[in-house]
């Protein structure tokens, strides 16, 4: 069963929008997708919006905020049970692209892109996988694949012209990665975690605010 529910929140007013296209909103740090929907749209309006969907469909929540020109976002959610899949995309800048794919139950992905010409793809397959990412800069590329259960990835990237492919295959893997701007930092690198219970932290200075 495939569900795509995208809610675009613009300047304090909630309006419906397609996931692919351009909207206008605030660039503030946003709360979780569930909080965003309930607080800014309201429970009554949310119930009305999803009344045509079956109960299982309504448990997939997506929130999209875009500020700038030429930004694109795609969200595809497929729930196989009662778990809530959540996706939150905030894009501030121009020509940023974000693609989210969630297959399973209880997956959550939050991404903030601040800059220009940044690209990010998040593919979650399994249950209870979490991705929390922030990219500040220009022409950065982050690709995250989580295949399994209870995998967690946190990326905080500040810089330009960098590429970070991340692969988590297995269960209970955890990655925390922080990259700060600077000429001595590498121009990206790949991380592959294959197995169960792997803990990996990469920190080369903290990313700038």
C-alpha atoms as a PDB file:
ATOM      1  CA  UNK A   1       0.000   0.000   0.000  1.00  0.00           C
ATOM      2  CA  UNK A   2       1.542   3.285  -1.117  1.00  0.00           C
ATOM      3  CA  UNK A   3       0.809   6.585   0.527  1.00  0.00           C
ATOM      4  CA  UNK A   4       2.094  10.032  -0.329  1.00  0.00           C
ATOM      5  CA  UNK A   5       0.924  12.832   1.954  1.00  0.00           C
ATOM      6  CA  UNK A   6       2.864  16.073   1.710  1.00  0.00           C
ATOM      7  CA  UNK A   7       2.005  19.166   3.704  1.00  0.00           C
ATOM      8  CA  UNK A   8       3.749  22.417   2.798  1.00  0.00           C
ATOM      9  CA  UNK A   9       3.851  24.963   5.610  1.00  0.00           C
ATOM     10  CA  UNK A  10       4.301  28.566   4.436  1.00  0.00           C
ATOM     11  CA  UNK A  11       4.976  31.606   6.661  1.00  0.00           C
ATOM     12  CA  UNK A  12       2.871  30.408   9.577  1.00  0.00           C
ATOM     13  CA  UNK A  13      -0.071  29.323   7.415  1.00  0.00           C
ATOM     14  CA  UNK A  14      -0.630  25.728   6.392  1.00  0.00           C
ATOM     15  CA  UNK A  15      -1.314  25.160   2.704  1.00  0.00           C
ATOM     16  CA  UNK A  16      -1.390  21.983   0.623  1.00  0.00           C
ATOM     17  CA  UNK A  17       1.317  21.526  -2.018  1.00  0.00           C
ATOM     18  CA  UNK A  18       2.853  18.824  -4.157  1.00  0.00           C
ATOM     19  CA  UNK A  19       6.042  17.209  -2.935  1.00  0.00           C
ATOM     20  CA  UNK A  20       7.725  18.071  -6.235  1.00  0.00           C
ATOM     21  CA  UNK A  21       7.797  21.758  -6.848  1.00  0.00           C
ATOM     22  CA  UNK A  22       8.514  24.976  -5.042  1.00  0.00           C
ATOM     23  CA  UNK A  23       6.981  26.422  -1.910  1.00  0.00           C
ATOM     24  CA  UNK A  24       7.821  29.192   0.468  1.00  0.00           C
ATOM     25  CA  UNK A  25       8.237  28.857   4.222  1.00  0.00           C
ATOM     26  CA  UNK A  26      10.364  29.763   7.155  1.00  0.00           C
ATOM     27  CA  UNK A  27      13.962  28.672   7.576  1.00  0.00           C
ATOM     28  CA  UNK A  28      13.633  28.113  11.316  1.00  0.00           C
ATOM     29  CA  UNK A  29      14.677  24.847  12.860  1.00  0.00           C
ATOM     30  CA  UNK A  30      11.520  22.752  12.837  1.00  0.00           C
ATOM     31  CA  UNK A  31      10.292  20.228  15.429  1.00  0.00           C
ATOM     32  CA  UNK A  32       9.487  16.647  14.621  1.00  0.00           C
ATOM     33  CA  UNK A  33       7.107  15.901  11.760  1.00  0.00           C
ATOM     34  CA  UNK A  34       4.352  14.780  14.107  1.00  0.00           C
ATOM     35  CA  UNK A  35       4.613  17.946  16.213  1.00  0.00           C
ATOM     36  CA  UNK A  36       4.716  20.101  13.089  1.00  0.00           C
ATOM     37  CA  UNK A  37       1.507  18.618  11.749  1.00  0.00           C
ATOM     38  CA  UNK A  38      -0.432  18.837  14.999  1.00  0.00           C
ATOM     39  CA  UNK A  39       0.792  22.269  16.136  1.00  0.00           C
ATOM     40  CA  UNK A  40       0.794  24.218  12.882  1.00  0.00           C
ATOM     41  CA  UNK A  41      -2.002  22.512  10.961  1.00  0.00           C
ATOM     42  CA  UNK A  42      -4.165  21.503  13.867  1.00  0.00           C
ATOM     43  CA  UNK A  43      -5.691  18.179  14.746  1.00  0.00           C
ATOM     44  CA  UNK A  44      -9.104  19.090  13.328  1.00  0.00           C
ATOM     45  CA  UNK A  45      -7.699  20.105   9.957  1.00  0.00           C
ATOM     46  CA  UNK A  46      -5.414  17.084   9.842  1.00  0.00           C
ATOM     47  CA  UNK A  47      -8.380  14.798  10.441  1.00  0.00           C
ATOM     48  CA  UNK A  48     -10.316  16.537   7.675  1.00  0.00           C
ATOM     49  CA  UNK A  49      -7.371  16.366   5.268  1.00  0.00           C
ATOM     50  CA  UNK A  50      -6.888  12.647   5.728  1.00  0.00           C
ATOM     51  CA  UNK A  51     -10.547  11.655   6.022  1.00  0.00           C
ATOM     52  CA  UNK A  52     -10.535  10.148   2.526  1.00  0.00           C
ATOM     53  CA  UNK A  53      -7.631   7.873   3.443  1.00  0.00           C
ATOM     54  CA  UNK A  54      -7.803   4.638   5.322  1.00  0.00           C
ATOM     55  CA  UNK A  55      -6.488   4.786   8.910  1.00  0.00           C
ATOM     56  CA  UNK A  56      -3.233   3.018   8.033  1.00  0.00           C
ATOM     57  CA  UNK A  57      -2.592   5.525   5.242  1.00  0.00           C
ATOM     58  CA  UNK A  58      -2.993   8.505   7.547  1.00  0.00           C
ATOM     59  CA  UNK A  59      -0.182   7.264   9.776  1.00  0.00           C
ATOM     60  CA  UNK A  60       2.393   8.282   7.149  1.00  0.00           C
ATOM     61  CA  UNK A  61       3.247  11.944   7.753  1.00  0.00           C
ATOM     62  CA  UNK A  62       5.374  14.226   5.581  1.00  0.00           C
ATOM     63  CA  UNK A  63       6.185  17.887   6.091  1.00  0.00           C
ATOM     64  CA  UNK A  64       7.858  20.021   3.414  1.00  0.00           C
ATOM     65  CA  UNK A  65       9.219  23.563   3.818  1.00  0.00           C
ATOM     66  CA  UNK A  66      11.009  25.321   0.968  1.00  0.00           C
ATOM     67  CA  UNK A  67      12.436  28.827   0.769  1.00  0.00           C
ATOM     68  CA  UNK A  68      14.160  29.960  -2.417  1.00  0.00           C
ATOM     69  CA  UNK A  69      14.010  29.170  -6.095  1.00  0.00           C
ATOM     70  CA  UNK A  70      14.107  25.902  -8.005  1.00  0.00           C
ATOM     71  CA  UNK A  71      14.045  23.550  -5.004  1.00  0.00           C
ATOM     72  CA  UNK A  72      12.703  20.018  -5.528  1.00  0.00           C
ATOM     73  CA  UNK A  73      11.563  17.317  -3.127  1.00  0.00           C
ATOM     74  CA  UNK A  74      10.179  13.811  -3.554  1.00  0.00           C
ATOM     75  CA  UNK A  75       8.706  11.738  -0.722  1.00  0.00           C
ATOM     76  CA  UNK A  76       7.516   8.154  -1.163  1.00  0.00           C
ATOM     77  CA  UNK A  77       6.182   6.243   1.843  1.00  0.00           C
ATOM     78  CA  UNK A  78       5.033   2.619   1.901  1.00  0.00           C
ATOM     79  CA  UNK A  79       3.746   1.339   5.241  1.00  0.00           C
ATOM     80  CA  UNK A  80       3.529  -2.385   5.895  1.00  0.00           C
ATOM     81  CA  UNK A  81       1.875  -2.150   9.281  1.00  0.00           C
ATOM     82  CA  UNK A  82       0.801   0.264  11.983  1.00  0.00           C
ATOM     83  CA  UNK A  83       4.136   2.015  12.457  1.00  0.00           C
ATOM     84  CA  UNK A  84       4.305   5.715  11.597  1.00  0.00           C
ATOM     85  CA  UNK A  85       6.723   6.728   8.860  1.00  0.00           C
ATOM     86  CA  UNK A  86       7.727  10.390   9.208  1.00  0.00           C
ATOM     87  CA  UNK A  87       9.619  12.623   6.804  1.00  0.00           C
ATOM     88  CA  UNK A  88      10.541  16.281   7.285  1.00  0.00           C
ATOM     89  CA  UNK A  89      12.359  18.323   4.628  1.00  0.00           C
ATOM     90  CA  UNK A  90      13.445  21.937   5.120  1.00  0.00           C
ATOM     91  CA  UNK A  91      15.222  23.568   2.179  1.00  0.00           C
ATOM     92  CA  UNK A  92      16.519  27.146   2.348  1.00  0.00           C
ATOM     93  CA  UNK A  93      18.369  28.330  -0.737  1.00  0.00           C
ATOM     94  CA  UNK A  94      18.231  27.633  -4.434  1.00  0.00           C
ATOM     95  CA  UNK A  95      18.268  24.521  -6.618  1.00  0.00           C
ATOM     96  CA  UNK A  96      18.373  22.032  -3.747  1.00  0.00           C
ATOM     97  CA  UNK A  97      17.095  18.488  -4.349  1.00  0.00           C
ATOM     98  CA  UNK A  98      15.909  16.026  -1.697  1.00  0.00           C
ATOM     99  CA  UNK A  99      14.482  12.536  -2.302  1.00  0.00           C
ATOM    100  CA  UNK A 100      13.067  10.409   0.538  1.00  0.00           C
ATOM    101  CA  UNK A 101      11.963   6.773   0.194  1.00  0.00           C
ATOM    102  CA  UNK A 102      10.559   4.918   3.200  1.00  0.00           C
ATOM    103  CA  UNK A 103       9.500   1.273   3.031  1.00  0.00           C
ATOM    104  CA  UNK A 104       8.490  -0.406   6.278  1.00  0.00           C
ATOM    105  CA  UNK A 105       7.280   0.810   9.650  1.00  0.00           C
ATOM    106  CA  UNK A 106       8.383   3.407  12.146  1.00  0.00           C
ATOM    107  CA  UNK A 107      11.025   5.031   9.968  1.00  0.00           C
ATOM    108  CA  UNK A 108      11.863   8.694  10.516  1.00  0.00           C
ATOM    109  CA  UNK A 109      13.921  11.049   8.352  1.00  0.00           C
ATOM    110  CA  UNK A 110      14.632  14.717   9.037  1.00  0.00           C
ATOM    111  CA  UNK A 111      16.734  16.832   6.693  1.00  0.00           C
ATOM    112  CA  UNK A 112      17.661  20.515   6.581  1.00  0.00           C
ATOM    113  CA  UNK A 113      19.426  21.894   3.497  1.00  0.00           C
ATOM    114  CA  UNK A 114      20.809  25.420   3.730  1.00  0.00           C
ATOM    115  CA  UNK A 115      22.665  26.660   0.678  1.00  0.00           C
ATOM    116  CA  UNK A 116      22.570  26.117  -3.052  1.00  0.00           C
ATOM    117  CA  UNK A 117      22.744  23.121  -5.384  1.00  0.00           C
ATOM    118  CA  UNK A 118      22.786  20.537  -2.602  1.00  0.00           C
ATOM    119  CA  UNK A 119      21.494  17.021  -3.256  1.00  0.00           C
ATOM    120  CA  UNK A 120      20.362  14.403  -0.758  1.00  0.00           C
ATOM    121  CA  UNK A 121      18.784  10.951  -1.124  1.00  0.00           C
ATOM    122  CA  UNK A 122      17.503   8.937   1.850  1.00  0.00           C
ATOM    123  CA  UNK A 123      16.347   5.344   1.305  1.00  0.00           C
ATOM    124  CA  UNK A 124      15.009   3.546   4.384  1.00  0.00           C
ATOM    125  CA  UNK A 125      14.012  -0.110   4.095  1.00  0.00           C
ATOM    126  CA  UNK A 126      12.998  -1.930   7.250  1.00  0.00           C
ATOM    127  CA  UNK A 127      11.643  -0.714  10.566  1.00  0.00           C
ATOM    128  CA  UNK A 128      12.511   1.938  13.125  1.00  0.00           C
ATOM    129  CA  UNK A 129      15.353   3.438  11.131  1.00  0.00           C
ATOM    130  CA  UNK A 130      16.223   7.076  11.865  1.00  0.00           C
ATOM    131  CA  UNK A 131      18.088   9.666   9.832  1.00  0.00           C
ATOM    132  CA  UNK A 132      18.748  13.218  11.022  1.00  0.00           C
ATOM    133  CA  UNK A 133      20.783  15.363   8.652  1.00  0.00           C
ATOM    134  CA  UNK A 134      21.837  18.975   8.215  1.00  0.00           C
ATOM    135  CA  UNK A 135      23.822  20.371   5.296  1.00  0.00           C
ATOM    136  CA  UNK A 136      25.129  23.938   5.263  1.00  0.00           C
ATOM    137  CA  UNK A 137      27.006  24.979   2.149  1.00  0.00           C
ATOM    138  CA  UNK A 138      26.891  24.555  -1.596  1.00  0.00           C
ATOM    139  CA  UNK A 139      27.111  21.667  -4.060  1.00  0.00           C
ATOM    140  CA  UNK A 140      27.148  18.940  -1.409  1.00  0.00           C
ATOM    141  CA  UNK A 141      25.820  15.422  -2.013  1.00  0.00           C
ATOM    142  CA  UNK A 142      24.617  13.071   0.744  1.00  0.00           C
ATOM    143  CA  UNK A 143      23.226   9.607  -0.059  1.00  0.00           C
ATOM    144  CA  UNK A 144      21.960   7.474   2.829  1.00  0.00           C
ATOM    145  CA  UNK A 145      20.710   3.880   2.562  1.00  0.00           C
ATOM    146  CA  UNK A 146      19.420   2.090   5.675  1.00  0.00           C
ATOM    147  CA  UNK A 147      18.449  -1.543   5.203  1.00  0.00           C
ATOM    148  CA  UNK A 148      17.477  -3.363   8.385  1.00  0.00           C
ATOM    149  CA  UNK A 149      16.098  -2.552  11.804  1.00  0.00           C
ATOM    150  CA  UNK A 150      16.838   0.172  14.333  1.00  0.00           C
ATOM    151  CA  UNK A 151      19.631   1.810  12.369  1.00  0.00           C
ATOM    152  CA  UNK A 152      20.471   5.425  13.187  1.00  0.00           C
ATOM    153  CA  UNK A 153      22.472   7.975  11.235  1.00  0.00           C
ATOM    154  CA  UNK A 154      23.178  11.585  12.180  1.00  0.00           C
ATOM    155  CA  UNK A 155      25.028  13.828   9.720  1.00  0.00           C
ATOM    156  CA  UNK A 156      26.000  17.453  10.307  1.00  0.00           C
ATOM    157  CA  UNK A 157      27.919  18.772   7.303  1.00  0.00           C
ATOM    158  CA  UNK A 158      29.201  22.316   6.769  1.00  0.00           C
ATOM    159  CA  UNK A 159      31.287  22.962   3.684  1.00  0.00           C
ATOM    160  CA  UNK A 160      31.232  22.975  -0.093  1.00  0.00           C
ATOM    161  CA  UNK A 161      31.695  20.448  -2.893  1.00  0.00           C
ATOM    162  CA  UNK A 162      31.592  17.364  -0.678  1.00  0.00           C
ATOM    163  CA  UNK A 163      30.083  13.913  -1.136  1.00  0.00           C
ATOM    164  CA  UNK A 164      29.047  11.526   1.637  1.00  0.00           C
ATOM    165  CA  UNK A 165      27.558   8.140   0.675  1.00  0.00           C
ATOM    166  CA  UNK A 166      26.384   6.217   3.767  1.00  0.00           C
ATOM    167  CA  UNK A 167      25.264   2.575   3.797  1.00  0.00           C
ATOM    168  CA  UNK A 168      23.881   0.764   6.853  1.00  0.00           C
ATOM    169  CA  UNK A 169      23.014  -2.902   6.317  1.00  0.00           C
ATOM    170  CA  UNK A 170      21.975  -4.924   9.349  1.00  0.00           C
ATOM    171  CA  UNK A 171      20.403  -4.095  12.686  1.00  0.00           C
ATOM    172  CA  UNK A 172      21.107  -1.644  15.506  1.00  0.00           C
ATOM    173  CA  UNK A 173      23.876   0.213  13.704  1.00  0.00           C
ATOM    174  CA  UNK A 174      24.617   3.799  14.654  1.00  0.00           C
ATOM    175  CA  UNK A 175      26.599   6.503  12.855  1.00  0.00           C
ATOM    176  CA  UNK A 176      27.295  10.059  14.053  1.00  0.00           C
ATOM    177  CA  UNK A 177      29.227  12.222  11.608  1.00  0.00           C
ATOM    178  CA  UNK A 178      30.179  15.893  11.877  1.00  0.00           C
ATOM    179  CA  UNK A 179      32.142  17.818   9.287  1.00  0.00           C
ATOM    180  CA  UNK A 180      33.244  21.420   9.732  1.00  0.00           C
ATOM    181  CA  UNK A 181      34.156  23.871   6.997  1.00  0.00           C
ATOM    182  CA  UNK A 182      37.861  24.275   6.332  1.00  0.00           C
ATOM    183  CA  UNK A 183      40.470  23.733   3.662  1.00  0.00           C
ATOM    184  CA  UNK A 184      42.083  20.811   5.506  1.00  0.00           C
ATOM    185  CA  UNK A 185      38.923  18.713   5.635  1.00  0.00           C
ATOM    186  CA  UNK A 186      38.617  15.952   3.007  1.00  0.00           C
ATOM    187  CA  UNK A 187      36.194  16.486   0.165  1.00  0.00           C
ATOM    188  CA  UNK A 188      33.915  13.758   1.459  1.00  0.00           C
ATOM    189  CA  UNK A 189      34.186  10.011   2.014  1.00  0.00           C
ATOM    190  CA  UNK A 190      31.970   6.936   2.100  1.00  0.00           C
ATOM    191  CA  UNK A 191      30.856   4.940   5.127  1.00  0.00           C
ATOM    192  CA  UNK A 192      29.651   1.321   4.922  1.00  0.00           C
ATOM    193  CA  UNK A 193      28.344  -0.485   7.993  1.00  0.00           C
ATOM    194  CA  UNK A 194      27.525  -4.146   7.343  1.00  0.00           C
ATOM    195  CA  UNK A 195      26.582  -6.205  10.362  1.00  0.00           C
ATOM    196  CA  UNK A 196      24.813  -5.712  13.663  1.00  0.00           C
ATOM    197  CA  UNK A 197      25.431  -3.407  16.602  1.00  0.00           C
ATOM    198  CA  UNK A 198      28.161  -1.330  14.956  1.00  0.00           C
ATOM    199  CA  UNK A 199      28.916   2.076  16.523  1.00  0.00           C
ATOM    200  CA  UNK A 200      30.920   4.576  14.493  1.00  0.00           C
ATOM    201  CA  UNK A 201      31.577   8.274  15.207  1.00  0.00           C
ATOM    202  CA  UNK A 202      33.469  10.513  12.766  1.00  0.00           C
ATOM    203  CA  UNK A 203      34.183  14.039  13.949  1.00  0.00           C
ATOM    204  CA  UNK A 204      36.619  16.437  12.270  1.00  0.00           C
ATOM    205  CA  UNK A 205      35.712  19.582  14.098  1.00  0.00           C
ATOM    206  CA  UNK A 206      32.126  20.496  14.662  1.00  0.00           C
ATOM    207  CA  UNK A 207      29.978  21.827  11.871  1.00  0.00           C
ATOM    208  CA  UNK A 208      29.327  25.537  11.961  1.00  0.00           C
ATOM    209  CA  UNK A 209      25.902  26.789  13.173  1.00  0.00           C
END
